[in-house]
Amino acid sequence: METIKNMALIVQKFGGTSVANIECIRNVAKRVAAERAAGNKVAVVLSAMAGVTNQLDAWAREVSTLSHPEDMAEYDAVVSTGEQVTIGLLALTLRSMGIPARSWLSWQLPIRTDDMHMKARVSSIETKELLVSLEKGEVAIVPGFQGITESGRVTTLGRGGSDTSAVALAAALKADLCDIYTDVDGVYTSDPRIVKKARKLNKIGYEEMLEMASLGAKVLHTRSVEMAMKHNVRVQVRSTFSDNTGTFLVGEEEIMERRLITGITYSRSDAQVSLIKVENKPGIAAKIFGPLAEAEINVDMIVQSISPDGKVADITFTVAKTDLDKTLEALKISGLKYEKLFTASNIAKVSVIGVGMRSHAGLAQKMFATLADKGINIHAISTSEIKISVLIDEEYLELALRALHTAYGLDAGK
């Protein structure tokens, strides 16, 4: 078998839509073959076929409540099987094209994780044998989304875990590039399905991408961006169905033309909880948010307004819609006293993101003025060093996105 030396090492990751059927897998094989023909060593990370993980999840939940840690371990044994199919099929397809290829299961490398089944985190990847295979000219094909504990149990990384697997493998291999192939051709200034004038970004900094991913952009999983930033992995988001260059995730120093605002994202997954006339005294916040933390409920935006006499306060916060019932139960158990409790699910969070916020005043004011000009009321505000998020009525979401995109000069052609 031929030996390949002094070449770039590329990790390619293909998601569920990219391997949805045999025809799609053949298309992936052509992309892998083209990368190899360009003189590069190639490692591939695959998801399960589109819809397969959902079906495996449904079957597991049909027979179990997953209430015991050992149940979760068996759940992982079930849902991790989807990727085994796709890595084997791609290896067979490449071999039929005369390209040496080998599939590797997570325990064969191994890909080590902690023992948090259903949401494990990668701790290390052994690459010795993989590198030998790559040096011999083989395409190495690895399952995404999964790993193995020190005790030998299969784990899964949670939804979106294949992105994390790919970046982790690229970091372990010290790869020159990690290409994330998906059904979009890059990262846009906003959702192009809503904002027709949204533009594709050629480059985006890790920190900005992390904010965009955590605030609603579906292009990359948050944990994969965190890992890329930590290990300085160069990542490109590109389309499986196009040869166009995608968007590169890079260090801030690589972006020469720094924009004040990079993108505008949104989320419809939040619910609002408002507690009216809570007694305003030391420890009241702990009494509210302590039980939520114990119930593993993440709280996002928090707004508190105190009455003129200082005796009572209104407290508003947001949680995931899926956690709303659990939140109300936790508040009930806490014994907290208040005059009224109000909830709303027909809300949306809109976020403006850009490193320019660190050094330029007036960017927040522009957001508030733009929304006011469109008659859009703001229910809550939260900020970080490079983002501003507001909570608005969901019916105004599309109007808000388009208006803000124009106000910050992000429209195509500007």
Protein backbone atom coordinates (compact mmCIF):
# COMPACT_ATOMS: atom_id res chain seq x y z
CA MET A 1 0.00 0.00 0.00
CA GLU A 2 1.34 3.45 -0.88
CA THR A 3 2.80 5.65 1.83
CA ILE A 4 1.80 9.33 1.98
CA LYS A 5 4.19 11.82 3.57
CA ASN A 6 4.53 15.57 4.01
CA MET A 7 0.88 16.29 3.36
CA ALA A 8 -1.79 18.26 5.13
CA LEU A 9 -3.97 16.34 7.57
CA ILE A 10 -7.66 17.14 7.15
CA VAL A 11 -10.55 16.06 9.37
CA GLN A 12 -13.88 16.02 7.53
CA LYS A 13 -17.16 15.78 9.44
CA PHE A 14 -20.46 14.96 7.71
CA GLY A 15 -23.80 15.34 9.48
CA GLY A 16 -26.99 13.31 9.22
CA THR A 17 -28.37 15.04 6.13
CA SER A 18 -25.03 14.49 4.38
CA VAL A 19 -25.26 10.70 4.91
CA ALA A 20 -29.06 10.39 4.73
CA ASN A 21 -29.02 7.56 2.18
CA ILE A 22 -26.70 5.54 -0.05
CA GLU A 23 -26.65 8.21 -2.76
CA CYS A 24 -25.61 10.79 -0.16
CA ILE A 25 -22.90 8.47 1.17
CA ARG A 26 -21.55 8.08 -2.37
CA ASN A 27 -21.44 11.87 -2.63
CA VAL A 28 -19.50 12.00 0.65
CA ALA A 29 -17.11 9.36 -0.70
CA LYS A 30 -16.43 11.58 -3.74
CA ARG A 31 -15.58 14.51 -1.47
CA VAL A 32 -13.26 12.34 0.60
CA ALA A 33 -11.63 11.00 -2.57
CA ALA A 34 -11.12 14.54 -3.92
CA GLU A 35 -9.41 15.64 -0.70
CA ARG A 36 -7.14 12.62 -0.82
CA ALA A 37 -6.41 13.16 -4.53
CA ALA A 38 -5.27 16.68 -3.63
CA GLY A 39 -2.47 15.00 -1.68
CA ASN A 40 -3.87 15.17 1.84
CA LYS A 41 -4.29 12.62 4.60
CA VAL A 42 -7.97 12.38 5.55
CA ALA A 43 -9.81 11.35 8.71
CA VAL A 44 -13.62 11.39 8.51
CA VAL A 45 -16.16 11.74 11.33
CA LEU A 46 -19.74 10.72 10.56
CA SER A 47 -23.15 11.16 12.13
CA ALA A 48 -25.93 8.58 11.82
CA MET A 49 -28.29 8.84 8.86
CA ALA A 50 -30.85 11.63 9.24
CA GLY A 51 -33.69 10.49 11.50
CA VAL A 52 -32.00 7.30 12.70
CA THR A 53 -30.88 8.65 16.10
CA ASN A 54 -34.40 10.00 16.68
CA GLN A 55 -35.86 6.55 15.98
CA LEU A 56 -33.34 4.81 18.27
CA ASP A 57 -34.09 7.38 20.98
CA ALA A 58 -37.84 6.79 20.62
CA TRP A 59 -37.46 3.02 20.89
CA ALA A 60 -35.29 3.32 24.02
CA ARG A 61 -37.76 5.68 25.68
CA GLU A 62 -40.67 3.41 24.75
CA VAL A 63 -39.27 0.60 26.88
CA SER A 64 -37.63 2.59 29.70
CA THR A 65 -38.08 5.69 31.82
CA LEU A 66 -34.27 6.01 31.97
CA SER A 67 -34.52 6.69 35.68
CA HIS A 68 -31.42 4.72 36.72
CA PRO A 69 -27.78 5.38 35.72
CA GLU A 70 -27.52 1.86 34.32
CA ASP A 71 -30.61 2.56 32.16
CA MET A 72 -28.75 5.55 30.70
CA ALA A 73 -25.75 3.35 29.94
CA GLU A 74 -27.98 0.94 28.02
CA TYR A 75 -29.62 3.90 26.27
CA ASP A 76 -26.19 4.93 25.01
CA ALA A 77 -25.56 1.38 23.82
CA VAL A 78 -28.70 1.67 21.69
CA VAL A 79 -28.45 5.18 20.23
CA SER A 80 -24.74 4.92 19.41
CA THR A 81 -25.38 2.21 16.82
CA GLY A 82 -26.48 4.61 14.07
CA GLU A 83 -22.95 5.84 13.45
CA GLN A 84 -21.59 2.30 13.23
CA VAL A 85 -23.72 1.80 10.14
CA THR A 86 -22.60 4.95 8.35
CA ILE A 87 -18.86 4.53 9.02
CA GLY A 88 -19.00 0.97 7.69
CA LEU A 89 -20.96 1.98 4.61
CA LEU A 90 -18.55 4.81 3.79
CA ALA A 91 -15.54 2.50 4.22
CA LEU A 92 -17.13 -0.03 1.86
CA THR A 93 -17.98 2.69 -0.66
CA LEU A 94 -14.44 4.07 -0.67
CA ARG A 95 -12.94 0.60 -0.99
CA SER A 96 -15.20 -0.10 -3.98
CA MET A 97 -13.62 3.01 -5.56
CA GLY A 98 -10.15 1.59 -5.03
CA ILE A 99 -9.38 3.84 -2.05
CA PRO A 100 -7.99 2.13 1.07
CA ALA A 101 -10.25 2.92 4.02
CA ARG A 102 -10.90 1.63 7.49
CA SER A 103 -13.67 2.28 10.00
CA TRP A 104 -12.80 2.67 13.69
CA LEU A 105 -15.32 2.26 16.51
CA SER A 106 -14.94 4.53 19.53
CA TRP A 107 -13.52 1.75 21.71
CA GLN A 108 -10.92 0.75 19.11
CA LEU A 109 -8.98 4.03 19.27
CA PRO A 110 -10.21 4.63 22.05
CA ILE A 111 -12.12 7.90 22.43
CA ARG A 112 -12.19 8.33 26.22
CA THR A 113 -14.98 10.24 27.94
CA ASP A 114 -16.23 10.77 31.46
CA ASP A 115 -19.06 8.52 32.69
CA MET A 116 -21.93 11.02 32.28
CA HIS A 117 -24.09 8.90 30.01
CA MET A 118 -26.25 10.73 27.45
CA LYS A 119 -24.12 13.91 27.84
CA ALA A 120 -20.54 12.71 28.18
CA ARG A 121 -17.51 14.93 27.59
CA VAL A 122 -14.42 13.82 25.69
CA SER A 123 -11.35 13.58 27.91
CA SER A 124 -8.77 12.14 25.49
CA ILE A 125 -8.36 10.38 22.15
CA GLU A 126 -5.61 7.84 21.52
CA THR A 127 -4.27 8.50 18.02
CA LYS A 128 -1.23 6.20 17.73
CA GLU A 129 -2.84 3.49 15.60
CA LEU A 130 -4.89 6.03 13.68
CA LEU A 131 -1.76 7.93 12.66
CA VAL A 132 -0.12 4.70 11.49
CA SER A 133 -3.19 3.99 9.35
CA LEU A 134 -3.14 7.51 7.90
CA GLU A 135 0.58 7.29 7.11
CA LYS A 136 -0.13 4.13 5.11
CA GLY A 137 -2.56 6.11 2.96
CA GLU A 138 -5.78 4.79 4.48
CA VAL A 139 -8.79 7.01 5.02
CA ALA A 140 -9.71 6.71 8.72
CA ILE A 141 -13.46 6.81 9.38
CA VAL A 142 -14.58 7.49 12.96
CA PRO A 143 -18.06 7.63 14.51
CA GLY A 144 -19.15 10.98 15.91
CA PHE A 145 -21.32 11.54 18.98
CA GLN A 146 -19.78 8.80 21.13
CA GLY A 147 -16.91 7.47 23.20
CA ILE A 148 -16.10 4.99 25.93
CA THR A 149 -15.56 5.25 29.68
CA GLU A 150 -12.52 3.99 31.58
CA SER A 151 -14.67 1.04 32.66
CA GLY A 152 -15.49 0.15 29.04
CA ARG A 153 -19.07 1.41 28.69
CA VAL A 154 -20.15 3.20 25.52
CA THR A 155 -21.21 6.82 26.03
CA THR A 156 -22.90 9.43 23.87
CA LEU A 157 -22.10 13.15 23.89
CA GLY A 158 -25.61 14.57 23.57
CA ARG A 159 -27.24 16.11 20.52
CA GLY A 160 -24.81 17.90 18.24
CA GLY A 161 -22.03 15.74 19.66
CA SER A 162 -20.61 14.79 16.26
CA ASP A 163 -19.33 18.35 15.78
CA THR A 164 -17.55 18.04 19.12
CA SER A 165 -16.15 14.63 18.13
CA ALA A 166 -14.71 16.09 14.93
CA VAL A 167 -13.03 19.04 16.61
CA ALA A 168 -11.70 16.80 19.41
CA LEU A 169 -10.23 14.43 16.82
CA ALA A 170 -8.70 17.34 14.90
CA ALA A 171 -7.14 18.63 18.12
CA ALA A 172 -5.78 15.19 19.05
CA LEU A 173 -4.34 14.64 15.57
CA LYS A 174 -3.04 18.23 15.36
CA ALA A 175 -4.86 18.45 12.04
CA ASP A 176 -4.31 21.37 9.70
CA LEU A 177 -8.05 21.88 9.20
CA CYS A 178 -11.38 20.53 10.40
CA ASP A 179 -14.07 20.82 7.71
CA ILE A 180 -17.62 20.61 9.12
CA TYR A 181 -19.88 19.68 6.20
CA THR A 182 -23.56 20.44 6.68
CA ASP A 183 -26.65 21.51 4.71
CA VAL A 184 -25.71 25.21 4.80
CA ASP A 185 -22.72 26.80 3.10
CA GLY A 186 -21.37 28.77 6.03
CA VAL A 187 -22.16 31.12 8.89
CA TYR A 188 -24.39 34.07 8.02
CA THR A 189 -24.91 37.47 9.63
CA SER A 190 -28.43 36.26 10.47
CA ASP A 191 -30.82 33.49 9.49
CA PRO A 192 -31.10 33.85 5.69
CA ARG A 193 -34.49 32.15 5.74
CA ILE A 194 -35.85 35.18 7.59
CA VAL A 195 -33.41 37.95 6.69
CA LYS A 196 -33.09 37.77 2.91
CA LYS A 197 -30.24 40.31 2.92
CA ALA A 198 -28.11 38.25 5.31
CA ARG A 199 -24.51 37.75 4.14
CA LYS A 200 -22.20 34.79 4.49
CA LEU A 201 -19.13 35.53 6.59
CA ASN A 202 -15.75 34.51 5.20
CA LYS A 203 -14.25 34.38 8.68
CA ILE A 204 -15.56 34.61 12.23
CA GLY A 205 -13.70 34.66 15.53
CA TYR A 206 -14.11 31.78 17.98
CA GLU A 207 -15.58 34.03 20.68
CA GLU A 208 -18.22 35.51 18.40
CA MET A 209 -19.13 32.07 17.04
CA LEU A 210 -19.46 30.77 20.59
CA GLU A 211 -21.95 33.52 21.42
CA MET A 212 -23.87 32.94 18.18
CA ALA A 213 -24.03 29.18 18.75
CA SER A 214 -25.20 29.57 22.34
CA LEU A 215 -27.80 32.19 21.41
CA GLY A 216 -29.65 30.31 18.69
CA ALA A 217 -27.46 29.89 15.60
CA LYS A 218 -27.82 26.21 14.65
CA VAL A 219 -24.75 25.94 12.43
CA LEU A 220 -22.37 24.56 15.07
CA HIS A 221 -22.80 22.99 18.48
CA THR A 222 -21.60 25.20 21.35
CA ARG A 223 -19.29 22.56 22.82
CA SER A 224 -17.50 22.11 19.50
CA VAL A 225 -16.78 25.85 19.32
CA GLU A 226 -15.50 25.83 22.92
CA MET A 227 -13.14 22.99 22.07
CA ALA A 228 -11.94 24.64 18.86
CA MET A 229 -11.18 27.83 20.77
CA LYS A 230 -9.42 25.99 23.60
CA HIS A 231 -7.17 23.97 21.26
CA ASN A 232 -6.90 26.59 18.48
CA VAL A 233 -8.37 24.22 15.88
CA ARG A 234 -8.96 25.87 12.51
CA VAL A 235 -12.53 24.99 11.49
CA GLN A 236 -14.39 25.56 8.23
CA VAL A 237 -18.19 25.32 8.04
CA ARG A 238 -19.18 24.40 4.48
CA SER A 239 -21.91 22.71 2.44
CA THR A 240 -21.89 19.04 1.47
CA PHE A 241 -23.86 19.96 -1.63
CA SER A 242 -21.67 22.80 -2.95
CA ASP A 243 -18.01 23.35 -3.78
CA ASN A 244 -18.06 26.91 -2.47
CA THR A 245 -15.67 27.96 0.26
CA GLY A 246 -17.41 28.14 3.62
CA THR A 247 -16.81 30.18 6.78
CA PHE A 248 -13.57 29.79 8.73
CA LEU A 249 -13.45 29.91 12.52
CA VAL A 250 -10.19 31.60 13.41
CA GLY A 251 -8.41 33.56 16.09
CA GLU A 252 -9.32 37.26 16.35
CA GLU A 253 -5.90 38.27 15.02
CA GLU A 254 -6.69 36.67 11.63
CA ILE A 255 -9.67 38.91 10.93
CA MET A 256 -8.23 42.03 9.32
CA GLU A 257 -11.45 43.94 8.61
CA ARG A 258 -13.05 44.00 12.02
CA ARG A 259 -16.78 44.68 12.01
CA LEU A 260 -18.43 46.34 15.00
CA ILE A 261 -21.33 43.87 14.82
CA THR A 262 -20.86 40.39 13.35
CA GLY A 263 -24.30 38.85 13.54
CA ILE A 264 -27.83 38.80 14.90
CA THR A 265 -29.32 35.58 16.25
CA TYR A 266 -32.58 34.51 17.80
CA SER A 267 -34.12 31.77 19.91
CA ARG A 268 -37.72 30.67 20.32
CA SER A 269 -36.88 28.11 23.00
CA ASP A 270 -37.27 30.33 26.10
CA ALA A 271 -40.16 30.82 28.50
CA GLN A 272 -40.65 33.83 30.76
CA VAL A 273 -41.49 33.56 34.47
CA SER A 274 -42.47 36.67 36.45
CA LEU A 275 -42.97 36.75 40.21
CA ILE A 276 -45.00 39.80 41.25
CA LYS A 277 -44.57 41.45 44.67
CA VAL A 278 -42.03 39.14 46.23
CA GLU A 279 -40.88 40.25 49.69
CA ASN A 280 -37.66 42.23 49.21
CA LYS A 281 -35.24 40.97 51.85
CA PRO A 282 -31.76 39.41 51.99
CA GLY A 283 -31.71 35.82 50.74
CA ILE A 284 -34.82 36.07 48.58
CA ALA A 285 -32.88 35.54 45.33
CA ALA A 286 -31.25 32.44 46.80
CA LYS A 287 -34.67 31.15 47.80
CA ILE A 288 -35.87 31.56 44.21
CA PHE A 289 -32.87 30.36 42.24
CA GLY A 290 -31.44 27.81 44.70
CA PRO A 291 -34.24 25.27 44.10
CA LEU A 292 -33.95 25.83 40.36
CA ALA A 293 -30.24 25.06 40.46
CA GLU A 294 -30.90 21.91 42.50
CA ALA A 295 -33.42 20.85 39.84
CA GLU A 296 -30.73 21.43 37.16
CA ILE A 297 -32.73 24.22 35.54
CA ASN A 298 -30.64 26.82 33.73
CA VAL A 299 -31.81 30.40 34.20
CA ASP A 300 -30.89 32.95 31.56
CA MET A 301 -32.15 36.53 31.72
CA ILE A 302 -32.98 38.01 35.14
CA VAL A 303 -34.64 41.38 35.77
CA GLN A 304 -35.56 42.75 39.20
CA SER A 305 -37.52 45.92 39.93
CA ILE A 306 -38.00 47.13 43.51
CA SER A 307 -41.04 49.07 44.72
CA PRO A 308 -40.57 52.72 45.78
CA ASP A 309 -40.84 51.80 49.46
CA GLY A 310 -38.33 48.97 49.04
CA LYS A 311 -40.59 46.37 50.65
CA VAL A 312 -41.42 44.22 47.61
CA ALA A 313 -39.92 43.44 44.22
CA ASP A 314 -40.99 42.03 40.87
CA ILE A 315 -38.56 39.42 39.52
CA THR A 316 -38.61 38.18 35.92
CA PHE A 317 -36.37 35.46 34.50
CA THR A 318 -36.27 33.04 31.59
CA VAL A 319 -35.81 29.27 31.40
CA ALA A 320 -36.01 26.78 28.55
CA LYS A 321 -39.60 26.08 27.53
CA THR A 322 -38.96 22.40 28.16
CA ASP A 323 -38.12 23.25 31.78
CA LEU A 324 -41.14 25.46 32.48
CA ASP A 325 -43.27 22.83 34.26
CA LYS A 326 -40.27 21.71 36.32
CA THR A 327 -39.57 25.36 37.20
CA LEU A 328 -43.10 25.95 38.48
CA GLU A 329 -42.91 22.76 40.56
CA ALA A 330 -39.59 23.83 42.08
CA LEU A 331 -40.99 27.25 42.99
CA LYS A 332 -44.03 25.62 44.57
CA ILE A 333 -41.89 23.34 46.71
CA SER A 334 -39.68 26.26 47.79
CA GLY A 335 -42.54 27.82 49.76
CA LEU A 336 -41.81 31.22 48.25
CA LYS A 337 -44.48 33.87 48.89
CA TYR A 338 -45.57 36.25 46.15
CA GLU A 339 -48.79 38.00 45.10
CA LYS A 340 -48.92 36.65 41.56
CA LEU A 341 -47.00 34.39 39.19
CA PHE A 342 -47.08 35.04 35.45
CA THR A 343 -45.63 32.89 32.66
CA ALA A 344 -45.32 33.37 28.90
CA SER A 345 -44.11 31.03 26.18
CA ASN A 346 -44.93 33.20 23.14
CA ILE A 347 -41.67 35.13 23.45
CA ALA A 348 -38.38 35.23 21.56
CA LYS A 349 -34.84 36.24 22.43
CA VAL A 350 -32.96 38.40 19.92
CA SER A 351 -29.20 38.91 20.31
CA VAL A 352 -26.76 41.31 18.67
CA ILE A 353 -23.18 40.02 18.73
CA GLY A 354 -19.84 41.66 17.94
CA VAL A 355 -16.44 42.27 19.50
CA GLY A 356 -16.86 45.96 18.58
CA MET A 357 -19.00 46.32 21.69
CA ARG A 358 -15.82 46.27 23.78
CA SER A 359 -14.61 49.59 22.42
CA HIS A 360 -17.55 51.42 20.86
CA ALA A 361 -20.30 53.21 22.78
CA GLY A 362 -23.86 53.53 21.51
CA LEU A 363 -24.32 50.05 20.04
CA ALA A 364 -26.83 49.05 22.72
CA GLN A 365 -28.71 52.32 22.34
CA LYS A 366 -29.02 51.66 18.60
CA MET A 367 -30.67 48.31 19.32
CA PHE A 368 -33.18 49.82 21.74
CA ALA A 369 -33.96 52.77 19.45
CA THR A 370 -34.44 50.52 16.42
CA LEU A 371 -36.91 48.29 18.26
CA ALA A 372 -38.75 51.29 19.70
CA ASP A 373 -39.07 52.80 16.21
CA LYS A 374 -40.83 49.59 15.12
CA GLY A 375 -43.12 49.62 18.14
CA ILE A 376 -41.53 46.53 19.69
CA ASN A 377 -41.58 46.35 23.49
CA ILE A 378 -38.62 44.86 25.39
CA HIS A 379 -39.46 42.60 28.35
CA ALA A 380 -35.93 41.87 29.56
CA ILE A 381 -32.31 42.66 28.71
CA SER A 382 -29.05 40.82 29.32
CA THR A 383 -25.53 41.68 28.23
CA SER A 384 -22.02 40.30 28.08
CA GLU A 385 -18.81 41.83 26.83
CA ILE A 386 -19.68 41.16 23.17
CA LYS A 387 -23.46 40.69 23.04
CA ILE A 388 -26.78 42.25 23.95
CA SER A 389 -29.91 40.09 24.21
CA VAL A 390 -33.50 41.28 24.54
CA LEU A 391 -36.72 39.42 25.17
CA ILE A 392 -39.64 40.41 22.94
CA ASP A 393 -43.05 39.07 21.90
CA GLU A 394 -42.56 36.27 19.38
CA GLU A 395 -44.94 37.86 16.86
CA TYR A 396 -42.40 40.66 16.31
CA LEU A 397 -39.36 38.39 15.87
CA GLU A 398 -38.97 38.58 12.08
CA LEU A 399 -39.57 42.34 12.03
CA ALA A 400 -36.96 42.81 14.76
CA LEU A 401 -34.34 40.70 12.99
CA ARG A 402 -34.70 42.54 9.68
CA ALA A 403 -34.78 45.99 11.28
CA LEU A 404 -31.67 45.34 13.40
CA HIS A 405 -29.81 43.74 10.50
CA THR A 406 -30.34 46.93 8.48
CA ALA A 407 -29.65 49.28 11.40
CA TYR A 408 -26.22 47.77 12.02
CA GLY A 409 -25.25 47.89 8.34
CA LEU A 410 -25.20 44.13 7.84
CA ASP A 411 -27.42 43.95 4.76
CA ALA A 412 -25.88 42.44 1.61
CA GLY A 413 -24.44 45.09 -0.68
CA LYS A 414 -23.43 47.43 2.12
